[in-house]
Structure formats: C-alpha cells, structure tokens
Amino acid sequence: MGRLLVVAVLLLSLSGCVTTVAPAGGLSADERSVIQQFSIDRQWQYLGLPDSERPPQPQVVVVSRDEYGAAYVSCMNDAGFDNYRANRNGSVSISINEDQTSGELVQNYLCRAGLWVDGDEGWYNDAQLGYIYDYFETVLVPCMATLGAQVNDAPPRTEFLAEHGGWHPYLYVDEDDQERFFGDRSVLATCPAVPPGVADPGLDTLWDRQ
C-alpha cells in the first residue's frame, strides 16, 4: 500500500474521533477581554524586564488594521521617539543606531499594549481552540508520522487553551523534517495544517518561501 493511500486510510479511520463541523468563529466579550489581557501580559514578558518596572497598564484603544501602524508611530513620536515613521502602505520604519534603551522598550510596550486591532482576526474562541487541538492530536500529528516526522513538545490540551493556541505541529519537528516538508507542497495537501472550516493563519506561506 503506497504512503499516500496509507495516509488516506488513516484520515478516514480517525474522522469519527473529532468534531467534523467547525464551531462558529468570533469572540464573546469575555473571551476578547481575556485575550487582550493575555496579549498585554505577553508583550511585557517579551521585554525581560522586572515586574517592578512595569508601568500602569494603558487604556486599550481599538483601531482598524489600516490605522494601526500610524497610531503606533504617533504614540511613539508623542513620547519623544522620532525615529519611528509610518509608511504609506501601513508598515512602520524604525531607525536604530544603538541598542534600544529600557525607556524606549517600555514605551514600545505601552504603545503596543494600548492598541487593539478591530475584529477577531488571528484569535480563536474556546470552542475553536478545542476543535483545532483535537484535530492536531488525532489527525495531523498521526498523519505527519506516516510521512516520517516526529512532533516535539506537544502541550497538554489545558495549556494549549490557556495559551490561546500558539503551538502548531508543523513548527515543532526536527529541522531536517521542516526543510523536507516545506520544500514539498504536496505535504500540505496530504496533511492539511488546519481542520476543515478553519482559516489557515498563514502557515501556507512557509511553503511559498521555498
């Protein structure tokens, strides 16, 4: 039996183990509030500064995706950092001649933490997260195993939900397997990165870079 046929049989045999209809998207007000706080806390953690230096949390302002770059630059400029410039395409240019000071890093945190892009793009609600995790565990990881890859550091379900995702099997295989996978688009067709009914968050671009 060829490898692709083995994968097809595997997927059919596992299809009854998971929900086959994707939960509706969108965040409740409580879910959005929790995710906003999670995002703000994570941005502070990325700085690696002690909590004693953490300033009071800014009020969150909702902006459109197109407005985000200009709003972020305006926030940094207003704080005295004129090395930030908004481009016409919505991107941001930063001129850095030396290591950023802790003051600039903290202001970066304040400006980013105080802005939230309108809409729920990039975030999943609790039901979607459970659906995705079940797909990873019962379909995608076994499918990748038939292609000779071992997935590393899979989190328990409770951790995956608490971290609002943030882990994907394709990003946690050995470097050789990543190179082999991302150089062959048929792998993505054989073992889809997301379950039916869930929009790809951009993982397919990893194959486009090859």
C-alpha atoms as a PDB file:
ATOM      1  CA  MET A   1       0.000   0.000   0.000  1.00  0.00           C
ATOM      2  CA  GLY A   2       1.506   3.324  -1.031  1.00  0.00           C
ATOM      3  CA  ARG A   3       2.227   6.026   1.512  1.00  0.00           C
ATOM      4  CA  LEU A   4      -0.479   8.392   0.257  1.00  0.00           C
ATOM      5  CA  LEU A   5      -3.039   5.585   0.420  1.00  0.00           C
ATOM      6  CA  VAL A   6      -1.948   4.811   3.977  1.00  0.00           C
ATOM      7  CA  VAL A   7      -2.488   8.459   4.893  1.00  0.00           C
ATOM      8  CA  ALA A   8      -5.925   8.469   3.246  1.00  0.00           C
ATOM      9  CA  VAL A   9      -6.977   5.363   5.173  1.00  0.00           C
ATOM     10  CA  LEU A  10      -5.641   6.878   8.399  1.00  0.00           C
ATOM     11  CA  LEU A  11      -7.611  10.082   7.928  1.00  0.00           C
ATOM     12  CA  LEU A  12     -10.789   8.163   7.221  1.00  0.00           C
ATOM     13  CA  SER A  13     -10.304   5.956  10.260  1.00  0.00           C
ATOM     14  CA  LEU A  14      -9.808   8.945  12.529  1.00  0.00           C
ATOM     15  CA  SER A  15     -12.534  11.129  11.118  1.00  0.00           C
ATOM     16  CA  GLY A  16     -15.035   9.810  13.654  1.00  0.00           C
ATOM     17  CA  CYS A  17     -12.828  10.793  16.606  1.00  0.00           C
ATOM     18  CA  VAL A  18     -13.205  14.546  16.249  1.00  0.00           C
ATOM     19  CA  THR A  19     -15.942  17.063  15.617  1.00  0.00           C
ATOM     20  CA  THR A  20     -16.424  17.248  11.867  1.00  0.00           C
ATOM     21  CA  VAL A  21     -18.129  20.640  11.800  1.00  0.00           C
ATOM     22  CA  ALA A  22     -16.072  23.645  12.809  1.00  0.00           C
ATOM     23  CA  PRO A  23     -17.516  25.754  15.644  1.00  0.00           C
ATOM     24  CA  ALA A  24     -18.682  29.236  14.747  1.00  0.00           C
ATOM     25  CA  GLY A  25     -15.972  31.895  14.867  1.00  0.00           C
ATOM     26  CA  GLY A  26     -15.946  35.157  16.762  1.00  0.00           C
ATOM     27  CA  LEU A  27     -15.132  36.062  20.342  1.00  0.00           C
ATOM     28  CA  SER A  28     -17.509  36.803  23.164  1.00  0.00           C
ATOM     29  CA  ALA A  29     -16.905  39.989  25.132  1.00  0.00           C
ATOM     30  CA  ASP A  30     -15.394  37.949  27.973  1.00  0.00           C
ATOM     31  CA  GLU A  31     -13.138  35.971  25.614  1.00  0.00           C
ATOM     32  CA  ARG A  32     -11.928  39.166  23.948  1.00  0.00           C
ATOM     33  CA  SER A  33     -11.173  40.748  27.313  1.00  0.00           C
ATOM     34  CA  VAL A  34      -9.186  37.696  28.417  1.00  0.00           C
ATOM     35  CA  ILE A  35      -7.218  37.632  25.148  1.00  0.00           C
ATOM     36  CA  GLN A  36      -6.457  41.348  25.343  1.00  0.00           C
ATOM     37  CA  GLN A  37      -5.045  40.905  28.839  1.00  0.00           C
ATOM     38  CA  PHE A  38      -3.107  37.818  27.744  1.00  0.00           C
ATOM     39  CA  SER A  39      -1.617  39.777  24.837  1.00  0.00           C
ATOM     40  CA  ILE A  40      -0.666  42.724  27.048  1.00  0.00           C
ATOM     41  CA  ASP A  41       0.953  40.473  29.661  1.00  0.00           C
ATOM     42  CA  ARG A  42       2.857  38.564  26.970  1.00  0.00           C
ATOM     43  CA  GLN A  43       4.197  41.788  25.449  1.00  0.00           C
ATOM     44  CA  TRP A  44       5.611  42.779  28.820  1.00  0.00           C
ATOM     45  CA  GLN A  45       7.166  39.354  29.324  1.00  0.00           C
ATOM     46  CA  TYR A  46       8.950  39.643  25.971  1.00  0.00           C
ATOM     47  CA  LEU A  47      10.902  42.637  27.284  1.00  0.00           C
ATOM     48  CA  GLY A  48      12.535  40.575  30.021  1.00  0.00           C
ATOM     49  CA  LEU A  49      12.318  43.471  32.466  1.00  0.00           C
ATOM     50  CA  PRO A  50      11.383  43.016  36.144  1.00  0.00           C
ATOM     51  CA  ASP A  51       7.732  43.497  37.048  1.00  0.00           C
ATOM     52  CA  SER A  52       8.804  46.279  39.419  1.00  0.00           C
ATOM     53  CA  GLU A  53       9.497  48.409  36.319  1.00  0.00           C
ATOM     54  CA  ARG A  54       6.148  47.702  34.680  1.00  0.00           C
ATOM     55  CA  PRO A  55       4.171  50.934  34.302  1.00  0.00           C
ATOM     56  CA  PRO A  56       0.424  51.204  34.876  1.00  0.00           C
ATOM     57  CA  GLN A  57      -1.496  49.440  32.157  1.00  0.00           C
ATOM     58  CA  PRO A  58      -2.712  51.784  29.415  1.00  0.00           C
ATOM     59  CA  GLN A  59      -6.312  52.065  28.348  1.00  0.00           C
ATOM     60  CA  VAL A  60      -6.908  49.997  25.221  1.00  0.00           C
ATOM     61  CA  VAL A  61      -7.936  51.912  22.098  1.00  0.00           C
ATOM     62  CA  VAL A  62      -9.485  49.968  19.215  1.00  0.00           C
ATOM     63  CA  VAL A  63      -8.187  50.881  15.754  1.00  0.00           C
ATOM     64  CA  SER A  64      -8.645  49.403  12.305  1.00  0.00           C
ATOM     65  CA  ARG A  65      -5.869  47.286  10.805  1.00  0.00           C
ATOM     66  CA  ASP A  66      -5.113  50.065   8.325  1.00  0.00           C
ATOM     67  CA  GLU A  67      -4.803  52.611  11.146  1.00  0.00           C
ATOM     68  CA  TYR A  68      -2.609  50.524  13.430  1.00  0.00           C
ATOM     69  CA  GLY A  69       0.802  51.494  12.023  1.00  0.00           C
ATOM     70  CA  ALA A  70       0.093  55.226  12.073  1.00  0.00           C
ATOM     71  CA  ALA A  71      -1.424  55.036  15.567  1.00  0.00           C
ATOM     72  CA  TYR A  72       1.589  53.134  16.901  1.00  0.00           C
ATOM     73  CA  VAL A  73       4.064  55.583  15.344  1.00  0.00           C
ATOM     74  CA  SER A  74       2.081  58.565  16.630  1.00  0.00           C
ATOM     75  CA  CYS A  75       2.192  57.094  20.136  1.00  0.00           C
ATOM     76  CA  MET A  76       5.981  56.641  19.976  1.00  0.00           C
ATOM     77  CA  ASN A  77       6.529  60.076  18.436  1.00  0.00           C
ATOM     78  CA  ASP A  78       4.379  61.757  21.088  1.00  0.00           C
ATOM     79  CA  ALA A  79       6.583  60.116  23.728  1.00  0.00           C
ATOM     80  CA  GLY A  80       9.689  61.702  22.178  1.00  0.00           C
ATOM     81  CA  PHE A  81      10.896  58.881  19.950  1.00  0.00           C
ATOM     82  CA  ASP A  82      11.018  60.468  16.497  1.00  0.00           C
ATOM     83  CA  ASN A  83      12.931  57.556  14.956  1.00  0.00           C
ATOM     84  CA  TYR A  84       9.624  55.851  14.181  1.00  0.00           C
ATOM     85  CA  ARG A  85       7.954  56.568  10.863  1.00  0.00           C
ATOM     86  CA  ALA A  86       4.711  55.320   9.330  1.00  0.00           C
ATOM     87  CA  ASN A  87       4.856  54.337   5.669  1.00  0.00           C
ATOM     88  CA  ARG A  88       2.070  54.741   3.138  1.00  0.00           C
ATOM     89  CA  ASN A  89       1.485  51.002   2.953  1.00  0.00           C
ATOM     90  CA  GLY A  90       0.780  50.845   6.688  1.00  0.00           C
ATOM     91  CA  SER A  91       4.167  49.424   7.683  1.00  0.00           C
ATOM     92  CA  VAL A  92       6.474  51.036  10.219  1.00  0.00           C
ATOM     93  CA  SER A  93      10.118  52.053   9.762  1.00  0.00           C
ATOM     94  CA  ILE A  94      12.424  52.342  12.770  1.00  0.00           C
ATOM     95  CA  SER A  95      15.898  53.892  12.737  1.00  0.00           C
ATOM     96  CA  ILE A  96      18.083  52.409  15.462  1.00  0.00           C
ATOM     97  CA  ASN A  97      21.723  53.453  15.726  1.00  0.00           C
ATOM     98  CA  GLU A  98      22.391  51.658  19.002  1.00  0.00           C
ATOM     99  CA  ASP A  99      20.718  49.270  21.400  1.00  0.00           C
ATOM    100  CA  GLN A 100      17.301  50.411  22.470  1.00  0.00           C
ATOM    101  CA  THR A 101      17.187  51.882  25.961  1.00  0.00           C
ATOM    102  CA  SER A 102      14.898  50.392  28.579  1.00  0.00           C
ATOM    103  CA  GLY A 103      12.870  53.600  28.342  1.00  0.00           C
ATOM    104  CA  GLU A 104      12.229  53.021  24.652  1.00  0.00           C
ATOM    105  CA  LEU A 105      11.404  49.367  25.262  1.00  0.00           C
ATOM    106  CA  VAL A 106       8.887  50.291  27.955  1.00  0.00           C
ATOM    107  CA  GLN A 107       7.317  52.916  25.700  1.00  0.00           C
ATOM    108  CA  ASN A 108       7.076  50.307  22.959  1.00  0.00           C
ATOM    109  CA  TYR A 109       5.177  48.124  25.382  1.00  0.00           C
ATOM    110  CA  LEU A 110       2.832  50.964  26.339  1.00  0.00           C
ATOM    111  CA  CYS A 111       2.071  51.873  22.729  1.00  0.00           C
ATOM    112  CA  ARG A 112       1.514  48.294  21.610  1.00  0.00           C
ATOM    113  CA  ALA A 113      -0.460  47.334  24.699  1.00  0.00           C
ATOM    114  CA  GLY A 114      -2.694  50.371  24.273  1.00  0.00           C
ATOM    115  CA  LEU A 115      -3.761  49.459  20.741  1.00  0.00           C
ATOM    116  CA  TRP A 116      -6.067  46.653  19.667  1.00  0.00           C
ATOM    117  CA  VAL A 117      -6.885  45.888  16.051  1.00  0.00           C
ATOM    118  CA  ASP A 118     -10.630  45.872  15.491  1.00  0.00           C
ATOM    119  CA  GLY A 119     -12.082  42.431  14.828  1.00  0.00           C
ATOM    120  CA  ASP A 120     -11.079  38.957  15.927  1.00  0.00           C
ATOM    121  CA  GLU A 121      -8.667  38.061  13.127  1.00  0.00           C
ATOM    122  CA  GLY A 122      -5.856  35.844  14.346  1.00  0.00           C
ATOM    123  CA  TRP A 123      -7.657  34.726  17.503  1.00  0.00           C
ATOM    124  CA  TYR A 124      -9.880  31.715  18.095  1.00  0.00           C
ATOM    125  CA  ASN A 125     -12.629  31.287  20.647  1.00  0.00           C
ATOM    126  CA  ASP A 126     -12.543  28.456  23.191  1.00  0.00           C
ATOM    127  CA  ALA A 127     -14.687  26.115  21.107  1.00  0.00           C
ATOM    128  CA  GLN A 128     -12.483  26.637  18.042  1.00  0.00           C
ATOM    129  CA  LEU A 129      -9.327  26.042  20.073  1.00  0.00           C
ATOM    130  CA  GLY A 130     -10.680  22.734  21.336  1.00  0.00           C
ATOM    131  CA  TYR A 131     -11.646  21.730  17.798  1.00  0.00           C
ATOM    132  CA  ILE A 132      -8.177  22.611  16.484  1.00  0.00           C
ATOM    133  CA  TYR A 133      -6.386  20.794  19.293  1.00  0.00           C
ATOM    134  CA  ASP A 134      -8.425  17.643  18.709  1.00  0.00           C
ATOM    135  CA  TYR A 135      -7.522  17.803  15.026  1.00  0.00           C
ATOM    136  CA  PHE A 136      -3.830  18.193  15.815  1.00  0.00           C
ATOM    137  CA  GLU A 137      -3.851  15.304  18.266  1.00  0.00           C
ATOM    138  CA  THR A 138      -5.970  12.764  16.411  1.00  0.00           C
ATOM    139  CA  VAL A 139      -5.406  13.625  12.739  1.00  0.00           C
ATOM    140  CA  LEU A 140      -2.494  15.925  11.907  1.00  0.00           C
ATOM    141  CA  VAL A 141       0.211  14.509  14.188  1.00  0.00           C
ATOM    142  CA  PRO A 142      -0.544  10.879  13.174  1.00  0.00           C
ATOM    143  CA  CYS A 143      -0.655  11.986   9.533  1.00  0.00           C
ATOM    144  CA  MET A 144       2.764  13.634   9.850  1.00  0.00           C
ATOM    145  CA  ALA A 145       4.066  10.451  11.476  1.00  0.00           C
ATOM    146  CA  THR A 146       3.187   8.487   8.330  1.00  0.00           C
ATOM    147  CA  LEU A 147       5.489  10.903   6.491  1.00  0.00           C
ATOM    148  CA  GLY A 148       8.308  10.093   8.875  1.00  0.00           C
ATOM    149  CA  ALA A 149       8.201  13.095  11.211  1.00  0.00           C
ATOM    150  CA  GLN A 150       8.037  13.142  14.987  1.00  0.00           C
ATOM    151  CA  VAL A 151       6.349  16.146  16.562  1.00  0.00           C
ATOM    152  CA  ASN A 152       8.098  17.568  19.629  1.00  0.00           C
ATOM    153  CA  ASP A 153       6.908  19.434  22.719  1.00  0.00           C
ATOM    154  CA  ALA A 154       3.174  18.958  22.217  1.00  0.00           C
ATOM    155  CA  PRO A 155       1.400  20.814  25.039  1.00  0.00           C
ATOM    156  CA  PRO A 156      -1.463  19.284  27.009  1.00  0.00           C
ATOM    157  CA  ARG A 157      -4.910  20.430  25.977  1.00  0.00           C
ATOM    158  CA  THR A 158      -5.364  22.698  29.021  1.00  0.00           C
ATOM    159  CA  GLU A 159      -2.103  24.518  28.279  1.00  0.00           C
ATOM    160  CA  PHE A 160      -2.978  24.938  24.602  1.00  0.00           C
ATOM    161  CA  LEU A 161      -6.275  26.567  25.542  1.00  0.00           C
ATOM    162  CA  ALA A 162      -4.699  28.731  28.247  1.00  0.00           C
ATOM    163  CA  GLU A 163      -2.090  29.976  25.761  1.00  0.00           C
ATOM    164  CA  HIS A 164      -4.806  30.652  23.142  1.00  0.00           C
ATOM    165  CA  GLY A 165      -3.073  28.350  20.680  1.00  0.00           C
ATOM    166  CA  GLY A 166       0.464  29.443  19.946  1.00  0.00           C
ATOM    167  CA  TRP A 167       1.658  25.923  19.073  1.00  0.00           C
ATOM    168  CA  HIS A 168       1.498  24.071  15.777  1.00  0.00           C
ATOM    169  CA  PRO A 169       2.812  20.600  14.911  1.00  0.00           C
ATOM    170  CA  TYR A 170       4.499  21.733  11.687  1.00  0.00           C
ATOM    171  CA  LEU A 171       6.673  24.158  13.646  1.00  0.00           C
ATOM    172  CA  TYR A 172       7.763  21.550  16.177  1.00  0.00           C
ATOM    173  CA  VAL A 173       9.510  18.921  14.114  1.00  0.00           C
ATOM    174  CA  ASP A 174      13.243  18.474  13.574  1.00  0.00           C
ATOM    175  CA  GLU A 175      14.963  20.967  11.278  1.00  0.00           C
ATOM    176  CA  ASP A 176      15.575  18.315   8.619  1.00  0.00           C
ATOM    177  CA  ASP A 177      11.880  17.439   8.589  1.00  0.00           C
ATOM    178  CA  GLN A 178      10.904  21.100   8.326  1.00  0.00           C
ATOM    179  CA  GLU A 179      13.191  21.552   5.342  1.00  0.00           C
ATOM    180  CA  ARG A 180      11.805  18.418   3.729  1.00  0.00           C
ATOM    181  CA  PHE A 181       8.187  19.350   4.404  1.00  0.00           C
ATOM    182  CA  PHE A 182       8.321  23.000   3.416  1.00  0.00           C
ATOM    183  CA  GLY A 183      10.051  22.109   0.181  1.00  0.00           C
ATOM    184  CA  ASP A 184       7.155  19.914  -0.921  1.00  0.00           C
ATOM    185  CA  ARG A 185       3.701  21.481  -1.223  1.00  0.00           C
ATOM    186  CA  SER A 186       2.091  18.053  -1.596  1.00  0.00           C
ATOM    187  CA  VAL A 187       2.772  17.568   2.125  1.00  0.00           C
ATOM    188  CA  LEU A 188       0.345  20.379   2.929  1.00  0.00           C
ATOM    189  CA  ALA A 189      -2.278  18.801   0.695  1.00  0.00           C
ATOM    190  CA  THR A 190      -1.758  15.382   2.291  1.00  0.00           C
ATOM    191  CA  CYS A 191      -1.757  16.606   5.888  1.00  0.00           C
ATOM    192  CA  PRO A 192      -3.630  19.947   5.983  1.00  0.00           C
ATOM    193  CA  ALA A 193      -2.300  22.392   8.560  1.00  0.00           C
ATOM    194  CA  VAL A 194      -5.760  23.252   9.906  1.00  0.00           C
ATOM    195  CA  PRO A 195      -9.005  21.273  10.214  1.00  0.00           C
ATOM    196  CA  PRO A 196     -11.961  21.767   7.873  1.00  0.00           C
ATOM    197  CA  GLY A 197     -13.778  25.039   8.399  1.00  0.00           C
ATOM    198  CA  VAL A 198     -10.828  26.881   9.983  1.00  0.00           C
ATOM    199  CA  ALA A 199      -8.961  29.562   8.044  1.00  0.00           C
ATOM    200  CA  ASP A 200      -5.234  28.995   7.681  1.00  0.00           C
ATOM    201  CA  PRO A 201      -3.467  31.582   9.888  1.00  0.00           C
ATOM    202  CA  GLY A 202      -0.647  31.941   7.349  1.00  0.00           C
ATOM    203  CA  LEU A 203       1.202  28.653   7.705  1.00  0.00           C
ATOM    204  CA  ASP A 204       0.842  28.000   3.983  1.00  0.00           C
ATOM    205  CA  THR A 205       3.317  30.844   3.392  1.00  0.00           C
ATOM    206  CA  LEU A 206       6.040  28.626   4.843  1.00  0.00           C
ATOM    207  CA  TRP A 207       5.760  26.550   1.673  1.00  0.00           C
ATOM    208  CA  ASP A 208       5.721  29.657  -0.546  1.00  0.00           C
ATOM    209  CA  ARG A 209       9.158  30.667   0.723  1.00  0.00           C
ATOM    210  CA  GLN A 210      10.834  27.620  -0.742  1.00  0.00           C
END
